[in-house]
Amino acid sequence: MTISPLFRFCASGLAIAGIVAMVIPPKPAVANSNEFKTCADELLRANISRNLAADVCAEALYPEDLSWCVLKIKAQTPIMADEALYGCQRVRRPLELASCIVDINQHTSNPEVLLAFDRCRRSLLPLRFSECVIGLSQEIDFSSTKAIETCIAAED
């Protein structure tokens, strides 16, 4: 029985790959960053008290999402960290909440930021809500407040 040249070529390639895989040691396992540590660090940087940071990070299902939500809102809107934390704790999608309020703040003129924040928090689909507010306020001669109320009413 003869072995085809194609089979020999493939077999030799596989043999070489197997030897190389055995000779080169795998990378040592690196521990993933601790999401609770990251959460606490980020909330402390946002000037949240140590006790409150410890409590909310320990309670959070996704601690890094919670702390990132607070940092993003604090950095890109006039909302204070404590208010941001209150909202970020009470939603299922904290990253979407942060994007919602930041987008409305950046893409509409003179938004009532706390009203927008509350409505982003109440919305089941915060990203869609912010798109609605931005679209209506830019294309129809609506104030940002009127656009916010129109879009939240449409979700009910």
N, C-alpha and C. Protein backbone atom coordinates (compact mmCIF):
# COMPACT_ATOMS: atom_id res chain seq x y z
N MET A 1 0.83 -1.17 0.00
CA MET A 1 0.00 0.00 0.00
C MET A 1 0.88 1.24 0.00
N THR A 2 0.59 2.17 -0.87
CA THR A 2 1.37 3.39 -1.00
C THR A 2 0.66 4.55 -0.31
N ILE A 3 1.47 5.37 0.28
CA ILE A 3 0.94 6.57 0.95
C ILE A 3 1.08 7.73 -0.03
N SER A 4 0.00 8.44 -0.20
CA SER A 4 0.02 9.54 -1.17
C SER A 4 0.92 10.67 -0.68
N PRO A 5 1.51 11.41 -1.62
CA PRO A 5 2.39 12.52 -1.24
C PRO A 5 1.65 13.60 -0.44
N LEU A 6 0.38 13.81 -0.76
CA LEU A 6 -0.40 14.81 -0.03
C LEU A 6 -0.56 14.42 1.44
N PHE A 7 -0.82 13.12 1.67
CA PHE A 7 -0.96 12.63 3.03
C PHE A 7 0.35 12.79 3.80
N ARG A 8 1.48 12.44 3.16
CA ARG A 8 2.79 12.59 3.81
C ARG A 8 3.06 14.04 4.16
N PHE A 9 2.73 14.93 3.25
CA PHE A 9 2.96 16.36 3.47
C PHE A 9 2.13 16.85 4.67
N CYS A 10 0.85 16.48 4.71
CA CYS A 10 -0.03 16.90 5.81
C CYS A 10 0.42 16.29 7.14
N ALA A 11 0.78 15.01 7.10
CA ALA A 11 1.20 14.32 8.32
C ALA A 11 2.48 14.93 8.88
N SER A 12 3.42 15.27 8.01
CA SER A 12 4.67 15.86 8.50
C SER A 12 4.41 17.25 9.09
N GLY A 13 3.50 18.00 8.49
CA GLY A 13 3.16 19.32 9.03
C GLY A 13 2.52 19.22 10.40
N LEU A 14 1.62 18.24 10.55
CA LEU A 14 0.97 18.03 11.85
C LEU A 14 1.98 17.57 12.90
N ALA A 15 2.91 16.71 12.50
CA ALA A 15 3.92 16.23 13.44
C ALA A 15 4.79 17.39 13.93
N ILE A 16 5.19 18.25 13.02
CA ILE A 16 6.02 19.40 13.40
C ILE A 16 5.24 20.33 14.32
N ALA A 17 3.99 20.58 13.99
CA ALA A 17 3.16 21.46 14.83
C ALA A 17 3.00 20.86 16.22
N GLY A 18 2.83 19.54 16.30
CA GLY A 18 2.69 18.89 17.60
C GLY A 18 3.96 19.00 18.43
N ILE A 19 5.11 18.83 17.80
CA ILE A 19 6.39 18.94 18.51
C ILE A 19 6.60 20.37 19.02
N VAL A 20 6.31 21.34 18.17
CA VAL A 20 6.46 22.74 18.57
C VAL A 20 5.54 23.05 19.75
N ALA A 21 4.31 22.53 19.71
CA ALA A 21 3.36 22.79 20.79
C ALA A 21 3.85 22.18 22.10
N MET A 22 4.54 21.04 22.04
CA MET A 22 5.03 20.41 23.26
C MET A 22 6.28 21.10 23.79
N VAL A 23 7.10 21.65 22.91
CA VAL A 23 8.36 22.26 23.31
C VAL A 23 8.14 23.65 23.91
N ILE A 24 7.25 24.44 23.32
CA ILE A 24 7.02 25.80 23.81
C ILE A 24 6.07 25.73 25.00
N PRO A 25 6.52 26.18 26.15
CA PRO A 25 5.67 26.09 27.34
C PRO A 25 4.51 27.09 27.24
N PRO A 26 3.37 26.73 27.80
CA PRO A 26 2.24 27.65 27.78
C PRO A 26 2.51 28.86 28.69
N LYS A 27 1.83 29.97 28.39
CA LYS A 27 1.99 31.15 29.24
C LYS A 27 1.46 30.81 30.63
N PRO A 28 2.10 31.31 31.65
CA PRO A 28 1.59 31.05 32.99
C PRO A 28 0.23 31.72 33.17
N ALA A 29 -0.60 31.09 33.95
CA ALA A 29 -1.92 31.65 34.19
C ALA A 29 -1.78 32.96 34.95
N VAL A 30 -2.48 33.97 34.46
CA VAL A 30 -2.46 35.27 35.12
C VAL A 30 -3.84 35.49 35.71
N ALA A 31 -3.87 35.84 36.95
CA ALA A 31 -5.15 36.07 37.60
C ALA A 31 -5.86 37.26 36.97
N ASN A 32 -7.15 37.08 36.71
CA ASN A 32 -7.93 38.19 36.19
C ASN A 32 -8.00 39.29 37.24
N SER A 33 -8.17 40.51 36.77
CA SER A 33 -8.27 41.59 37.74
C SER A 33 -9.53 41.37 38.57
N ASN A 34 -9.47 41.74 39.79
CA ASN A 34 -10.59 41.56 40.70
C ASN A 34 -11.59 42.69 40.46
N GLU A 35 -12.78 42.33 39.99
CA GLU A 35 -13.77 43.35 39.63
C GLU A 35 -14.26 44.15 40.83
N PHE A 36 -14.24 43.57 42.01
CA PHE A 36 -14.66 44.30 43.21
C PHE A 36 -13.61 45.34 43.60
N LYS A 37 -12.34 44.95 43.43
CA LYS A 37 -11.25 45.89 43.71
C LYS A 37 -11.32 47.07 42.74
N THR A 38 -11.54 46.76 41.46
CA THR A 38 -11.65 47.80 40.44
C THR A 38 -12.82 48.73 40.75
N CYS A 39 -13.94 48.15 41.12
CA CYS A 39 -15.13 48.95 41.46
C CYS A 39 -14.82 49.90 42.61
N ALA A 40 -14.25 49.37 43.67
CA ALA A 40 -13.94 50.20 44.83
C ALA A 40 -12.96 51.31 44.47
N ASP A 41 -11.93 50.98 43.71
CA ASP A 41 -10.94 51.97 43.30
C ASP A 41 -11.59 53.09 42.49
N GLU A 42 -12.42 52.72 41.53
CA GLU A 42 -13.04 53.74 40.67
C GLU A 42 -14.04 54.60 41.44
N LEU A 43 -14.79 54.01 42.36
CA LEU A 43 -15.73 54.81 43.15
C LEU A 43 -15.00 55.74 44.10
N LEU A 44 -13.89 55.29 44.65
CA LEU A 44 -13.09 56.18 45.51
C LEU A 44 -12.54 57.35 44.69
N ARG A 45 -12.11 57.08 43.45
CA ARG A 45 -11.64 58.16 42.58
C ARG A 45 -12.75 59.15 42.24
N ALA A 46 -13.99 58.68 42.29
CA ALA A 46 -15.14 59.55 42.01
C ALA A 46 -15.60 60.29 43.27
N ASN A 47 -14.82 60.16 44.34
CA ASN A 47 -15.12 60.80 45.63
C ASN A 47 -16.34 60.24 46.34
N ILE A 48 -16.59 58.96 46.17
CA ILE A 48 -17.62 58.26 46.94
C ILE A 48 -16.95 57.80 48.23
N SER A 49 -17.66 57.89 49.35
CA SER A 49 -17.05 57.51 50.64
C SER A 49 -16.66 56.04 50.64
N ARG A 50 -15.67 55.71 51.46
CA ARG A 50 -15.17 54.34 51.53
C ARG A 50 -16.27 53.34 51.90
N ASN A 51 -17.05 53.68 52.92
CA ASN A 51 -18.10 52.75 53.36
C ASN A 51 -19.15 52.54 52.29
N LEU A 52 -19.57 53.61 51.64
CA LEU A 52 -20.58 53.49 50.59
C LEU A 52 -20.02 52.71 49.40
N ALA A 53 -18.78 52.99 49.02
CA ALA A 53 -18.14 52.27 47.92
C ALA A 53 -18.08 50.77 48.23
N ALA A 54 -17.70 50.44 49.45
CA ALA A 54 -17.62 49.03 49.84
C ALA A 54 -19.00 48.37 49.75
N ASP A 55 -20.01 49.04 50.27
CA ASP A 55 -21.36 48.47 50.27
C ASP A 55 -21.89 48.25 48.85
N VAL A 56 -21.79 49.28 48.01
CA VAL A 56 -22.40 49.15 46.68
C VAL A 56 -21.61 48.20 45.79
N CYS A 57 -20.31 48.16 45.92
CA CYS A 57 -19.52 47.21 45.12
C CYS A 57 -19.83 45.78 45.54
N ALA A 58 -19.97 45.55 46.84
CA ALA A 58 -20.27 44.21 47.33
C ALA A 58 -21.65 43.75 46.87
N GLU A 59 -22.60 44.67 46.76
CA GLU A 59 -23.97 44.33 46.37
C GLU A 59 -24.16 44.20 44.86
N ALA A 60 -23.26 44.78 44.08
CA ALA A 60 -23.46 44.86 42.63
C ALA A 60 -23.27 43.50 41.95
N LEU A 61 -24.13 43.22 40.99
CA LEU A 61 -23.99 42.01 40.20
C LEU A 61 -22.80 42.14 39.24
N TYR A 62 -22.63 43.34 38.68
CA TYR A 62 -21.50 43.64 37.80
C TYR A 62 -20.81 44.89 38.33
N PRO A 63 -19.92 44.73 39.30
CA PRO A 63 -19.32 45.88 39.97
C PRO A 63 -18.57 46.84 39.05
N GLU A 64 -17.86 46.31 38.06
CA GLU A 64 -17.11 47.20 37.16
C GLU A 64 -18.05 48.04 36.31
N ASP A 65 -19.18 47.48 35.90
CA ASP A 65 -20.15 48.26 35.13
C ASP A 65 -20.71 49.39 35.98
N LEU A 66 -20.99 49.09 37.23
CA LEU A 66 -21.52 50.11 38.14
C LEU A 66 -20.54 51.26 38.30
N SER A 67 -19.29 50.95 38.59
CA SER A 67 -18.32 52.02 38.83
C SER A 67 -18.01 52.79 37.54
N TRP A 68 -17.99 52.10 36.41
CA TRP A 68 -17.74 52.78 35.14
C TRP A 68 -18.89 53.73 34.82
N CYS A 69 -20.11 53.32 35.13
CA CYS A 69 -21.29 54.17 34.94
C CYS A 69 -21.12 55.47 35.73
N VAL A 70 -20.74 55.36 36.97
CA VAL A 70 -20.56 56.54 37.82
C VAL A 70 -19.45 57.44 37.28
N LEU A 71 -18.31 56.84 36.94
CA LEU A 71 -17.19 57.65 36.44
C LEU A 71 -17.54 58.38 35.15
N LYS A 72 -18.19 57.70 34.23
CA LYS A 72 -18.53 58.30 32.94
C LYS A 72 -19.50 59.46 33.12
N ILE A 73 -20.52 59.26 33.94
CA ILE A 73 -21.50 60.33 34.17
C ILE A 73 -20.86 61.51 34.87
N LYS A 74 -20.05 61.23 35.88
CA LYS A 74 -19.40 62.32 36.63
C LYS A 74 -18.45 63.11 35.74
N ALA A 75 -17.73 62.43 34.87
CA ALA A 75 -16.73 63.09 34.03
C ALA A 75 -17.35 63.87 32.87
N GLN A 76 -18.48 63.43 32.35
CA GLN A 76 -18.99 64.01 31.11
C GLN A 76 -20.32 64.74 31.24
N THR A 77 -20.80 64.89 32.47
CA THR A 77 -22.03 65.66 32.71
C THR A 77 -21.85 66.47 33.99
N PRO A 78 -22.74 67.42 34.26
CA PRO A 78 -22.65 68.15 35.53
C PRO A 78 -23.23 67.39 36.72
N ILE A 79 -23.63 66.15 36.53
CA ILE A 79 -24.22 65.35 37.61
C ILE A 79 -23.13 64.95 38.60
N MET A 80 -23.44 65.09 39.88
CA MET A 80 -22.49 64.74 40.94
C MET A 80 -22.38 63.22 41.07
N ALA A 81 -21.27 62.76 41.60
CA ALA A 81 -21.01 61.32 41.72
C ALA A 81 -22.06 60.61 42.56
N ASP A 82 -22.50 61.23 43.67
CA ASP A 82 -23.50 60.59 44.52
C ASP A 82 -24.82 60.37 43.77
N GLU A 83 -25.23 61.37 42.99
CA GLU A 83 -26.46 61.24 42.20
C GLU A 83 -26.29 60.18 41.12
N ALA A 84 -25.12 60.17 40.49
CA ALA A 84 -24.85 59.17 39.46
C ALA A 84 -24.89 57.76 40.06
N LEU A 85 -24.29 57.60 41.22
CA LEU A 85 -24.28 56.30 41.88
C LEU A 85 -25.69 55.83 42.18
N TYR A 86 -26.52 56.74 42.68
CA TYR A 86 -27.91 56.41 42.98
C TYR A 86 -28.61 55.84 41.74
N GLY A 87 -28.44 56.50 40.61
CA GLY A 87 -29.06 56.04 39.38
C GLY A 87 -28.45 54.75 38.85
N CYS A 88 -27.14 54.67 38.87
CA CYS A 88 -26.45 53.50 38.31
C CYS A 88 -26.77 52.22 39.08
N GLN A 89 -27.04 52.36 40.38
CA GLN A 89 -27.39 51.21 41.20
C GLN A 89 -28.76 50.65 40.86
N ARG A 90 -29.63 51.46 40.32
CA ARG A 90 -31.03 51.10 40.18
C ARG A 90 -31.45 50.66 38.78
N VAL A 91 -30.49 50.40 37.94
CA VAL A 91 -30.83 49.97 36.58
C VAL A 91 -30.18 48.63 36.26
N ARG A 92 -30.76 47.95 35.29
CA ARG A 92 -30.19 46.67 34.85
C ARG A 92 -29.01 46.87 33.92
N ARG A 93 -28.99 48.01 33.24
CA ARG A 93 -27.95 48.28 32.24
C ARG A 93 -27.22 49.59 32.58
N PRO A 94 -26.34 49.56 33.55
CA PRO A 94 -25.69 50.82 33.95
C PRO A 94 -24.85 51.46 32.86
N LEU A 95 -24.23 50.67 32.00
CA LEU A 95 -23.42 51.26 30.93
C LEU A 95 -24.30 51.97 29.92
N GLU A 96 -25.48 51.42 29.65
CA GLU A 96 -26.41 52.08 28.74
C GLU A 96 -26.98 53.35 29.37
N LEU A 97 -27.21 53.32 30.67
CA LEU A 97 -27.66 54.54 31.36
C LEU A 97 -26.64 55.64 31.19
N ALA A 98 -25.38 55.32 31.42
CA ALA A 98 -24.32 56.32 31.29
C ALA A 98 -24.25 56.87 29.87
N SER A 99 -24.31 55.99 28.89
CA SER A 99 -24.27 56.45 27.49
C SER A 99 -25.48 57.31 27.16
N CYS A 100 -26.63 56.96 27.68
CA CYS A 100 -27.86 57.71 27.43
C CYS A 100 -27.72 59.16 27.90
N ILE A 101 -27.35 59.35 29.14
CA ILE A 101 -27.29 60.71 29.68
C ILE A 101 -26.14 61.50 29.07
N VAL A 102 -25.02 60.86 28.84
CA VAL A 102 -23.88 61.55 28.22
C VAL A 102 -24.23 61.99 26.80
N ASP A 103 -24.87 61.11 26.03
CA ASP A 103 -25.25 61.47 24.66
C ASP A 103 -26.24 62.63 24.64
N ILE A 104 -27.25 62.58 25.50
CA ILE A 104 -28.23 63.68 25.55
C ILE A 104 -27.54 64.97 25.95
N ASN A 105 -26.65 64.89 26.93
CA ASN A 105 -25.94 66.08 27.40
C ASN A 105 -25.07 66.68 26.29
N GLN A 106 -24.45 65.83 25.49
CA GLN A 106 -23.53 66.32 24.46
C GLN A 106 -24.21 66.73 23.15
N HIS A 107 -25.36 66.16 22.84
CA HIS A 107 -25.95 66.36 21.51
C HIS A 107 -27.26 67.14 21.50
N THR A 108 -27.67 67.67 22.63
CA THR A 108 -28.85 68.54 22.65
C THR A 108 -28.45 69.87 23.27
N SER A 109 -29.21 70.90 22.97
CA SER A 109 -28.86 72.21 23.52
C SER A 109 -29.60 72.44 24.84
N ASN A 110 -28.85 72.83 25.82
CA ASN A 110 -29.36 73.16 27.16
C ASN A 110 -30.30 72.11 27.75
N PRO A 111 -29.87 70.86 27.82
CA PRO A 111 -30.77 69.86 28.39
C PRO A 111 -30.90 70.04 29.90
N GLU A 112 -32.07 69.73 30.43
CA GLU A 112 -32.23 69.66 31.88
C GLU A 112 -31.62 68.32 32.27
N VAL A 113 -30.40 68.36 32.72
CA VAL A 113 -29.61 67.14 32.89
C VAL A 113 -30.23 66.19 33.90
N LEU A 114 -30.72 66.70 35.02
CA LEU A 114 -31.29 65.80 36.02
C LEU A 114 -32.59 65.16 35.52
N LEU A 115 -33.38 65.91 34.76
CA LEU A 115 -34.59 65.35 34.16
C LEU A 115 -34.20 64.26 33.15
N ALA A 116 -33.24 64.56 32.31
CA ALA A 116 -32.78 63.58 31.31
C ALA A 116 -32.23 62.33 32.00
N PHE A 117 -31.48 62.54 33.07
CA PHE A 117 -30.90 61.41 33.82
C PHE A 117 -32.01 60.53 34.39
N ASP A 118 -33.02 61.16 34.97
CA ASP A 118 -34.13 60.40 35.54
C ASP A 118 -34.86 59.62 34.46
N ARG A 119 -35.08 60.23 33.31
CA ARG A 119 -35.81 59.56 32.23
C ARG A 119 -34.95 58.45 31.60
N CYS A 120 -33.66 58.67 31.49
CA CYS A 120 -32.78 57.59 31.02
C CYS A 120 -32.85 56.40 31.97
N ARG A 121 -32.89 56.70 33.26
CA ARG A 121 -32.96 55.65 34.28
C ARG A 121 -34.28 54.89 34.18
N ARG A 122 -35.36 55.59 33.90
CA ARG A 122 -36.68 54.96 33.83
C ARG A 122 -36.89 54.17 32.54
N SER A 123 -36.17 54.52 31.51
CA SER A 123 -36.38 53.90 30.21
C SER A 123 -35.95 52.44 30.22
N LEU A 124 -36.73 51.60 29.55
CA LEU A 124 -36.36 50.20 29.41
C LEU A 124 -35.23 50.02 28.39
N LEU A 125 -35.16 50.94 27.44
CA LEU A 125 -34.13 50.90 26.40
C LEU A 125 -33.43 52.26 26.36
N PRO A 126 -32.48 52.49 27.25
CA PRO A 126 -31.86 53.82 27.36
C PRO A 126 -31.19 54.33 26.09
N LEU A 127 -30.56 53.45 25.33
CA LEU A 127 -29.89 53.92 24.11
C LEU A 127 -30.90 54.36 23.06
N ARG A 128 -31.97 53.63 22.93
CA ARG A 128 -33.03 54.02 22.00
C ARG A 128 -33.67 55.33 22.46
N PHE A 129 -33.86 55.46 23.76
CA PHE A 129 -34.43 56.69 24.31
C PHE A 129 -33.56 57.89 23.97
N SER A 130 -32.26 57.77 24.18
CA SER A 130 -31.38 58.91 23.88
C SER A 130 -31.39 59.24 22.39
N GLU A 131 -31.45 58.21 21.54
CA GLU A 131 -31.54 58.46 20.10
C GLU A 131 -32.82 59.22 19.76
N CYS A 132 -33.92 58.86 20.41
CA CYS A 132 -35.20 59.54 20.20
C CYS A 132 -35.08 61.01 20.60
N VAL A 133 -34.56 61.26 21.79
CA VAL A 133 -34.43 62.63 22.29
C VAL A 133 -33.54 63.46 21.36
N ILE A 134 -32.41 62.93 21.00
CA ILE A 134 -31.47 63.66 20.15
C ILE A 134 -32.08 63.91 18.77
N GLY A 135 -32.70 62.89 18.20
CA GLY A 135 -33.30 63.03 16.88
C GLY A 135 -34.41 64.07 16.85
N LEU A 136 -35.32 64.00 17.82
CA LEU A 136 -36.43 64.96 17.85
C LEU A 136 -35.94 66.38 18.11
N SER A 137 -35.00 66.52 19.02
CA SER A 137 -34.54 67.88 19.35
C SER A 137 -33.74 68.50 18.21
N GLN A 138 -33.11 67.68 17.38
CA GLN A 138 -32.33 68.23 16.27
C GLN A 138 -33.17 68.48 15.02
N GLU A 139 -34.16 67.64 14.75
CA GLU A 139 -34.91 67.76 13.50
C GLU A 139 -36.23 68.51 13.64
N ILE A 140 -36.83 68.45 14.80
CA ILE A 140 -38.08 69.17 15.04
C ILE A 140 -37.75 70.29 16.00
N ASP A 141 -38.37 71.38 15.87
CA ASP A 141 -38.05 72.53 16.73
C ASP A 141 -38.61 72.30 18.13
N PHE A 142 -38.06 71.28 18.81
CA PHE A 142 -38.44 70.94 20.18
C PHE A 142 -37.32 71.35 21.11
N SER A 143 -37.69 71.81 22.29
CA SER A 143 -36.67 71.99 23.33
C SER A 143 -36.25 70.59 23.76
N SER A 144 -35.10 70.49 24.39
CA SER A 144 -34.67 69.16 24.85
C SER A 144 -35.66 68.60 25.87
N THR A 145 -36.25 69.47 26.69
CA THR A 145 -37.22 69.02 27.69
C THR A 145 -38.45 68.42 27.00
N LYS A 146 -38.95 69.09 25.98
CA LYS A 146 -40.12 68.59 25.23
C LYS A 146 -39.78 67.26 24.56
N ALA A 147 -38.59 67.15 24.00
CA ALA A 147 -38.17 65.90 23.36
C ALA A 147 -38.07 64.77 24.39
N ILE A 148 -37.52 65.08 25.56
CA ILE A 148 -37.39 64.08 26.63
C ILE A 148 -38.77 63.56 27.03
N GLU A 149 -39.71 64.47 27.26
CA GLU A 149 -41.05 64.07 27.69
C GLU A 149 -41.79 63.32 26.59
N THR A 150 -41.62 63.74 25.35
CA THR A 150 -42.27 63.06 24.23
C THR A 150 -41.76 61.63 24.09
N CYS A 151 -40.46 61.45 24.18
CA CYS A 151 -39.86 60.12 24.01
C CYS A 151 -40.20 59.18 25.16
N ILE A 152 -40.23 59.69 26.39
CA ILE A 152 -40.55 58.81 27.52
C ILE A 152 -42.03 58.44 27.48
N ALA A 153 -42.88 59.36 27.03
CA ALA A 153 -44.32 59.06 26.93
C ALA A 153 -44.57 57.98 25.87
N ALA A 154 -43.77 57.95 24.84
CA ALA A 154 -43.94 56.97 23.77
C ALA A 154 -43.63 55.55 24.26
N GLU A 155 -42.82 55.42 25.30
CA GLU A 155 -42.47 54.10 25.82
C GLU A 155 -43.56 53.50 26.69
N ASP A 156 -44.44 54.33 27.21
CA ASP A 156 -45.49 53.84 28.12
C ASP A 156 -46.55 53.04 27.42
